[in-house]
Protein backbone atom coordinates (compact mmCIF):
# COMPACT_ATOMS: atom_id res chain seq x y z
CA UNK A 1 0.00 0.00 0.00
CA UNK A 2 2.86 2.37 0.78
CA UNK A 3 4.38 1.75 -2.61
CA UNK A 4 1.13 2.65 -4.38
CA UNK A 5 0.86 5.85 -2.35
CA UNK A 6 4.44 6.79 -3.35
CA UNK A 7 3.62 6.21 -7.03
CA UNK A 8 0.56 8.44 -6.72
CA UNK A 9 2.72 11.13 -5.08
CA UNK A 10 5.12 11.03 -8.01
CA UNK A 11 2.23 11.26 -10.47
CA UNK A 12 0.90 14.39 -8.70
CA UNK A 13 4.37 15.95 -8.86
CA UNK A 14 4.50 15.19 -12.57
CA UNK A 15 1.08 16.81 -13.07
CA UNK A 16 2.32 19.89 -11.20
CA UNK A 17 5.45 20.07 -13.36
CA UNK A 18 3.48 19.74 -16.60
CA UNK A 19 1.01 22.41 -15.47
CA UNK A 20 3.85 24.77 -14.56
CA UNK A 21 5.56 24.31 -17.93
CA UNK A 22 2.32 24.63 -19.89
CA UNK A 23 1.40 27.77 -17.95
CA UNK A 24 4.79 29.31 -18.62
CA UNK A 25 4.61 28.50 -22.33
CA UNK A 26 1.07 29.92 -22.59
CA UNK A 27 2.16 33.06 -20.76
CA UNK A 28 5.10 33.63 -23.14
CA UNK A 29 3.29 32.76 -26.38
CA UNK A 30 0.13 34.71 -25.74
CA UNK A 31 1.76 37.72 -24.13
CA UNK A 32 0.42 37.68 -20.62
CA UNK A 33 -2.21 36.28 -18.36
CA UNK A 34 -5.28 34.76 -19.96
CA UNK A 35 -7.75 31.98 -19.23
CA UNK A 36 -5.32 29.18 -20.09
CA UNK A 37 -2.60 30.55 -17.85
CA UNK A 38 -5.04 30.84 -14.94
CA UNK A 39 -6.23 27.28 -15.57
CA UNK A 40 -2.65 25.99 -15.46
CA UNK A 41 -1.95 27.92 -12.26
CA UNK A 42 -5.05 26.34 -10.74
CA UNK A 43 -4.00 22.87 -11.88
CA UNK A 44 -0.54 23.44 -10.41
CA UNK A 45 -1.95 24.50 -7.03
CA UNK A 46 -4.36 21.54 -6.91
CA UNK A 47 -1.60 19.09 -7.85
CA UNK A 48 0.72 20.41 -5.12
CA UNK A 49 -2.13 20.26 -2.59
CA UNK A 50 -2.89 16.65 -3.57
CA UNK A 51 0.80 15.74 -3.35
CA UNK A 52 0.95 17.21 0.16
CA UNK A 53 -2.22 15.40 1.18
CA UNK A 54 -0.91 12.09 -0.13
CA UNK A 55 2.43 12.63 1.60
CA UNK A 56 0.65 13.18 4.94
CA UNK A 57 -1.51 10.10 4.33
CA UNK A 58 1.62 8.07 3.68
CA UNK A 59 2.79 8.64 7.23
CA UNK A 60 -0.38 7.02 8.59
CA UNK A 61 -0.47 4.04 6.20
CA UNK A 62 0.89 0.81 7.68
PDB file of N, CA and C in Angstrom:
ATOM      1  N   UNK A   1       0.818  -1.196   0.000  1.00  0.00           N
ATOM      2  CA  UNK A   1       0.000   0.000   0.000  1.00  0.00           C
ATOM      3  C   UNK A   1       0.864   1.264   0.000  1.00  0.00           C
ATOM      4  N   UNK A   2       1.970   1.205   0.750  1.00  0.00           N
ATOM      5  CA  UNK A   2       2.859   2.371   0.784  1.00  0.00           C
ATOM      6  C   UNK A   2       3.462   2.653  -0.586  1.00  0.00           C
ATOM      7  N   UNK A   3       3.770   1.579  -1.307  1.00  0.00           N
ATOM      8  CA  UNK A   3       4.379   1.746  -2.615  1.00  0.00           C
ATOM      9  C   UNK A   3       3.412   2.422  -3.594  1.00  0.00           C
ATOM     10  N   UNK A   4       2.150   2.037  -3.534  1.00  0.00           N
ATOM     11  CA  UNK A   4       1.132   2.652  -4.383  1.00  0.00           C
ATOM     12  C   UNK A   4       0.974   4.133  -4.048  1.00  0.00           C
ATOM     13  N   UNK A   5       0.977   4.458  -2.764  1.00  0.00           N
ATOM     14  CA  UNK A   5       0.865   5.852  -2.345  1.00  0.00           C
ATOM     15  C   UNK A   5       2.049   6.659  -2.877  1.00  0.00           C
ATOM     16  N   UNK A   6       3.242   6.091  -2.848  1.00  0.00           N
ATOM     17  CA  UNK A   6       4.436   6.787  -3.346  1.00  0.00           C
ATOM     18  C   UNK A   6       4.324   7.022  -4.854  1.00  0.00           C
ATOM     19  N   UNK A   7       3.801   6.057  -5.583  1.00  0.00           N
ATOM     20  CA  UNK A   7       3.624   6.214  -7.029  1.00  0.00           C
ATOM     21  C   UNK A   7       2.630   7.340  -7.316  1.00  0.00           C
ATOM     22  N   UNK A   8       1.554   7.385  -6.544  1.00  0.00           N
ATOM     23  CA  UNK A   8       0.560   8.443  -6.719  1.00  0.00           C
ATOM     24  C   UNK A   8       1.168   9.808  -6.404  1.00  0.00           C
ATOM     25  N   UNK A   9       2.022   9.877  -5.393  1.00  0.00           N
ATOM     26  CA  UNK A   9       2.716  11.132  -5.078  1.00  0.00           C
ATOM     27  C   UNK A   9       3.555  11.599  -6.270  1.00  0.00           C
ATOM     28  N   UNK A  10       4.269  10.689  -6.867  1.00  0.00           N
ATOM     29  CA  UNK A  10       5.118  11.026  -8.014  1.00  0.00           C
ATOM     30  C   UNK A  10       4.262  11.493  -9.187  1.00  0.00           C
ATOM     31  N   UNK A  11       3.125  10.852  -9.393  1.00  0.00           N
ATOM     32  CA  UNK A  11       2.226  11.265 -10.474  1.00  0.00           C
ATOM     33  C   UNK A  11       1.733  12.688 -10.238  1.00  0.00           C
ATOM     34  N   UNK A  12       1.355  13.025  -8.998  1.00  0.00           N
ATOM     35  CA  UNK A  12       0.898  14.393  -8.703  1.00  0.00           C
ATOM     36  C   UNK A  12       2.017  15.411  -8.916  1.00  0.00           C
ATOM     37  N   UNK A  13       3.251  15.039  -8.583  1.00  0.00           N
ATOM     38  CA  UNK A  13       4.373  15.950  -8.856  1.00  0.00           C
ATOM     39  C   UNK A  13       4.563  16.144 -10.355  1.00  0.00           C
ATOM     40  N   UNK A  14       4.385  15.083 -11.121  1.00  0.00           N
ATOM     41  CA  UNK A  14       4.498  15.191 -12.574  1.00  0.00           C
ATOM     42  C   UNK A  14       3.398  16.085 -13.142  1.00  0.00           C
ATOM     43  N   UNK A  15       2.180  15.952 -12.633  1.00  0.00           N
ATOM     44  CA  UNK A  15       1.081  16.808 -13.071  1.00  0.00           C
ATOM     45  C   UNK A  15       1.394  18.267 -12.759  1.00  0.00           C
ATOM     46  N   UNK A  16       1.946  18.522 -11.575  1.00  0.00           N
ATOM     47  CA  UNK A  16       2.319  19.891 -11.197  1.00  0.00           C
ATOM     48  C   UNK A  16       3.392  20.433 -12.133  1.00  0.00           C
ATOM     49  N   UNK A  17       4.377  19.617 -12.471  1.00  0.00           N
ATOM     50  CA  UNK A  17       5.450  20.066 -13.356  1.00  0.00           C
ATOM     51  C   UNK A  17       4.914  20.377 -14.756  1.00  0.00           C
ATOM     52  N   UNK A  18       4.056  19.517 -15.275  1.00  0.00           N
ATOM     53  CA  UNK A  18       3.478  19.744 -16.597  1.00  0.00           C
ATOM     54  C   UNK A  18       2.634  21.016 -16.602  1.00  0.00           C
ATOM     55  N   UNK A  19       1.848  21.211 -15.557  1.00  0.00           N
ATOM     56  CA  UNK A  19       1.008  22.407 -15.468  1.00  0.00           C
ATOM     57  C   UNK A  19       1.869  23.666 -15.404  1.00  0.00           C
ATOM     58  N   UNK A  20       2.964  23.613 -14.659  1.00  0.00           N
ATOM     59  CA  UNK A  20       3.852  24.774 -14.558  1.00  0.00           C
ATOM     60  C   UNK A  20       4.472  25.111 -15.913  1.00  0.00           C
ATOM     61  N   UNK A  21       4.940  24.085 -16.618  1.00  0.00           N
ATOM     62  CA  UNK A  21       5.565  24.307 -17.928  1.00  0.00           C
ATOM     63  C   UNK A  21       4.535  24.817 -18.934  1.00  0.00           C
ATOM     64  N   UNK A  22       3.366  24.196 -18.966  1.00  0.00           N
ATOM     65  CA  UNK A  22       2.315  24.631 -19.894  1.00  0.00           C
ATOM     66  C   UNK A  22       1.874  26.066 -19.596  1.00  0.00           C
ATOM     67  N   UNK A  23       1.763  26.405 -18.325  1.00  0.00           N
ATOM     68  CA  UNK A  23       1.397  27.771 -17.953  1.00  0.00           C
ATOM     69  C   UNK A  23       2.439  28.780 -18.384  1.00  0.00           C
ATOM     70  N   UNK A  24       3.703  28.421 -18.207  1.00  0.00           N
ATOM     71  CA  UNK A  24       4.792  29.311 -18.616  1.00  0.00           C
ATOM     72  C   UNK A  24       4.802  29.502 -20.128  1.00  0.00           C
ATOM     73  N   UNK A  25       4.631  28.414 -20.862  1.00  0.00           N
ATOM     74  CA  UNK A  25       4.610  28.504 -22.327  1.00  0.00           C
ATOM     75  C   UNK A  25       3.426  29.348 -22.792  1.00  0.00           C
ATOM     76  N   UNK A  26       2.260  29.137 -22.210  1.00  0.00           N
ATOM     77  CA  UNK A  26       1.074  29.915 -22.585  1.00  0.00           C
ATOM     78  C   UNK A  26       1.269  31.386 -22.265  1.00  0.00           C
ATOM     79  N   UNK A  27       1.907  31.672 -21.151  1.00  0.00           N
ATOM     80  CA  UNK A  27       2.163  33.063 -20.762  1.00  0.00           C
ATOM     81  C   UNK A  27       3.081  33.748 -21.772  1.00  0.00           C
ATOM     82  N   UNK A  28       4.136  33.048 -22.193  1.00  0.00           N
ATOM     83  CA  UNK A  28       5.098  33.628 -23.139  1.00  0.00           C
ATOM     84  C   UNK A  28       4.515  33.767 -24.542  1.00  0.00           C
ATOM     85  N   UNK A  29       3.804  32.748 -25.000  1.00  0.00           N
ATOM     86  CA  UNK A  29       3.294  32.756 -26.377  1.00  0.00           C
ATOM     87  C   UNK A  29       2.158  33.755 -26.575  1.00  0.00           C
ATOM     88  N   UNK A  30       1.316  33.887 -25.569  1.00  0.00           N
ATOM     89  CA  UNK A  30       0.131  34.714 -25.741  1.00  0.00           C
ATOM     90  C   UNK A  30       0.278  36.083 -25.104  1.00  0.00           C
ATOM     91  N   UNK A  31       1.452  36.379 -24.593  1.00  0.00           N
ATOM     92  CA  UNK A  31       1.761  37.720 -24.135  1.00  0.00           C
ATOM     93  C   UNK A  31       1.124  38.152 -22.836  1.00  0.00           C
ATOM     94  N   UNK A  32       0.947  37.272 -21.914  1.00  0.00           N
ATOM     95  CA  UNK A  32       0.422  37.678 -20.619  1.00  0.00           C
ATOM     96  C   UNK A  32      -0.579  36.688 -20.066  1.00  0.00           C
ATOM     97  N   UNK A  33      -1.255  37.141 -19.033  1.00  0.00           N
ATOM     98  CA  UNK A  33      -2.213  36.277 -18.362  1.00  0.00           C
ATOM     99  C   UNK A  33      -3.512  36.203 -19.156  1.00  0.00           C
ATOM    100  N   UNK A  34      -3.991  34.991 -19.317  1.00  0.00           N
ATOM    101  CA  UNK A  34      -5.278  34.757 -19.964  1.00  0.00           C
ATOM    102  C   UNK A  34      -5.909  33.538 -19.304  1.00  0.00           C
ATOM    103  N   UNK A  35      -7.009  33.074 -19.846  1.00  0.00           N
ATOM    104  CA  UNK A  35      -7.751  31.980 -19.229  1.00  0.00           C
ATOM    105  C   UNK A  35      -6.915  30.701 -19.120  1.00  0.00           C
ATOM    106  N   UNK A  36      -6.136  30.400 -20.119  1.00  0.00           N
ATOM    107  CA  UNK A  36      -5.325  29.175 -20.091  1.00  0.00           C
ATOM    108  C   UNK A  36      -4.249  29.239 -19.017  1.00  0.00           C
ATOM    109  N   UNK A  37      -3.635  30.403 -18.871  1.00  0.00           N
ATOM    110  CA  UNK A  37      -2.596  30.551 -17.853  1.00  0.00           C
ATOM    111  C   UNK A  37      -3.213  30.369 -16.462  1.00  0.00           C
ATOM    112  N   UNK A  38      -4.371  30.990 -16.237  1.00  0.00           N
ATOM    113  CA  UNK A  38      -5.037  30.843 -14.943  1.00  0.00           C
ATOM    114  C   UNK A  38      -5.439  29.391 -14.684  1.00  0.00           C
ATOM    115  N   UNK A  39      -5.874  28.693 -15.709  1.00  0.00           N
ATOM    116  CA  UNK A  39      -6.232  27.284 -15.572  1.00  0.00           C
ATOM    117  C   UNK A  39      -5.006  26.455 -15.173  1.00  0.00           C
ATOM    118  N   UNK A  40      -3.872  26.724 -15.785  1.00  0.00           N
ATOM    119  CA  UNK A  40      -2.651  25.989 -15.463  1.00  0.00           C
ATOM    120  C   UNK A  40      -2.160  26.317 -14.051  1.00  0.00           C
ATOM    121  N   UNK A  41      -2.310  27.559 -13.632  1.00  0.00           N
ATOM    122  CA  UNK A  41      -1.949  27.921 -12.257  1.00  0.00           C
ATOM    123  C   UNK A  41      -2.838  27.161 -11.280  1.00  0.00           C
ATOM    124  N   UNK A  42      -4.130  27.097 -11.585  1.00  0.00           N
ATOM    125  CA  UNK A  42      -5.050  26.342 -10.736  1.00  0.00           C
ATOM    126  C   UNK A  42      -4.705  24.866 -10.685  1.00  0.00           C
ATOM    127  N   UNK A  43      -4.373  24.289 -11.828  1.00  0.00           N
ATOM    128  CA  UNK A  43      -4.001  22.871 -11.877  1.00  0.00           C
ATOM    129  C   UNK A  43      -2.725  22.627 -11.080  1.00  0.00           C
ATOM    130  N   UNK A  44      -1.784  23.552 -11.163  1.00  0.00           N
ATOM    131  CA  UNK A  44      -0.541  23.441 -10.407  1.00  0.00           C
ATOM    132  C   UNK A  44      -0.812  23.453  -8.900  1.00  0.00           C
ATOM    133  N   UNK A  45      -1.642  24.387  -8.461  1.00  0.00           N
ATOM    134  CA  UNK A  45      -1.955  24.499  -7.032  1.00  0.00           C
ATOM    135  C   UNK A  45      -2.671  23.241  -6.531  1.00  0.00           C
ATOM    136  N   UNK A  46      -3.631  22.751  -7.307  1.00  0.00           N
ATOM    137  CA  UNK A  46      -4.358  21.541  -6.914  1.00  0.00           C
ATOM    138  C   UNK A  46      -3.412  20.343  -6.856  1.00  0.00           C
ATOM    139  N   UNK A  47      -2.527  20.217  -7.826  1.00  0.00           N
ATOM    140  CA  UNK A  47      -1.596  19.086  -7.850  1.00  0.00           C
ATOM    141  C   UNK A  47      -0.650  19.122  -6.653  1.00  0.00           C
ATOM    142  N   UNK A  48      -0.163  20.298  -6.291  1.00  0.00           N
ATOM    143  CA  UNK A  48       0.716  20.409  -5.123  1.00  0.00           C
ATOM    144  C   UNK A  48      -0.059  20.095  -3.845  1.00  0.00           C
ATOM    145  N   UNK A  49      -1.299  20.556  -3.766  1.00  0.00           N
ATOM    146  CA  UNK A  49      -2.128  20.258  -2.593  1.00  0.00           C
ATOM    147  C   UNK A  49      -2.374  18.750  -2.478  1.00  0.00           C
ATOM    148  N   UNK A  50      -2.658  18.090  -3.588  1.00  0.00           N
ATOM    149  CA  UNK A  50      -2.891  16.651  -3.568  1.00  0.00           C
ATOM    150  C   UNK A  50      -1.609  15.891  -3.212  1.00  0.00           C
ATOM    151  N   UNK A  51      -0.479  16.357  -3.702  1.00  0.00           N
ATOM    152  CA  UNK A  51       0.800  15.735  -3.349  1.00  0.00           C
ATOM    153  C   UNK A  51       1.022  15.830  -1.838  1.00  0.00           C
ATOM    154  N   UNK A  52       0.772  17.010  -1.276  1.00  0.00           N
ATOM    155  CA  UNK A  52       0.954  17.213   0.159  1.00  0.00           C
ATOM    156  C   UNK A  52       0.008  16.322   0.958  1.00  0.00           C
ATOM    157  N   UNK A  53      -1.238  16.251   0.507  1.00  0.00           N
ATOM    158  CA  UNK A  53      -2.219  15.400   1.178  1.00  0.00           C
ATOM    159  C   UNK A  53      -1.787  13.940   1.149  1.00  0.00           C
ATOM    160  N   UNK A  54      -1.354  13.481   0.003  1.00  0.00           N
ATOM    161  CA  UNK A  54      -0.914  12.087  -0.129  1.00  0.00           C
ATOM    162  C   UNK A  54       0.337  11.817   0.714  1.00  0.00           C
ATOM    163  N   UNK A  55       1.213  12.793   0.802  1.00  0.00           N
ATOM    164  CA  UNK A  55       2.425  12.627   1.602  1.00  0.00           C
ATOM    165  C   UNK A  55       2.064  12.482   3.084  1.00  0.00           C
ATOM    166  N   UNK A  56       1.112  13.287   3.542  1.00  0.00           N
ATOM    167  CA  UNK A  56       0.653  13.175   4.936  1.00  0.00           C
ATOM    168  C   UNK A  56      -0.053  11.847   5.177  1.00  0.00           C
ATOM    169  N   UNK A  57      -0.831  11.392   4.201  1.00  0.00           N
ATOM    170  CA  UNK A  57      -1.510  10.105   4.334  1.00  0.00           C
ATOM    171  C   UNK A  57      -0.494   8.966   4.401  1.00  0.00           C
ATOM    172  N   UNK A  58       0.598   9.122   3.699  1.00  0.00           N
ATOM    173  CA  UNK A  58       1.625   8.070   3.676  1.00  0.00           C
ATOM    174  C   UNK A  58       2.220   7.814   5.034  1.00  0.00           C
ATOM    175  N   UNK A  59       2.233   8.822   5.891  1.00  0.00           N
ATOM    176  CA  UNK A  59       2.786   8.640   7.231  1.00  0.00           C
ATOM    177  C   UNK A  59       1.863   7.804   8.113  1.00  0.00           C
ATOM    178  N   UNK A  60       0.563   7.778   7.774  1.00  0.00           N
ATOM    179  CA  UNK A  60      -0.380   7.020   8.590  1.00  0.00           C
ATOM    180  C   UNK A  60      -0.661   5.626   8.035  1.00  0.00           C
ATOM    181  N   UNK A  61      -0.243   5.359   6.810  1.00  0.00           N
ATOM    182  CA  UNK A  61      -0.472   4.044   6.195  1.00  0.00           C
ATOM    183  C   UNK A  61       0.520   3.041   6.780  1.00  0.00           C
ATOM    184  N   UNK A  62       0.015   1.857   7.097  1.00  0.00           N
ATOM    185  CA  UNK A  62       0.888   0.810   7.682  1.00  0.00           C
ATOM    186  C   UNK A  62       1.437  -0.091   6.634  1.00  0.00           C
TER     187      UNK A  62
END
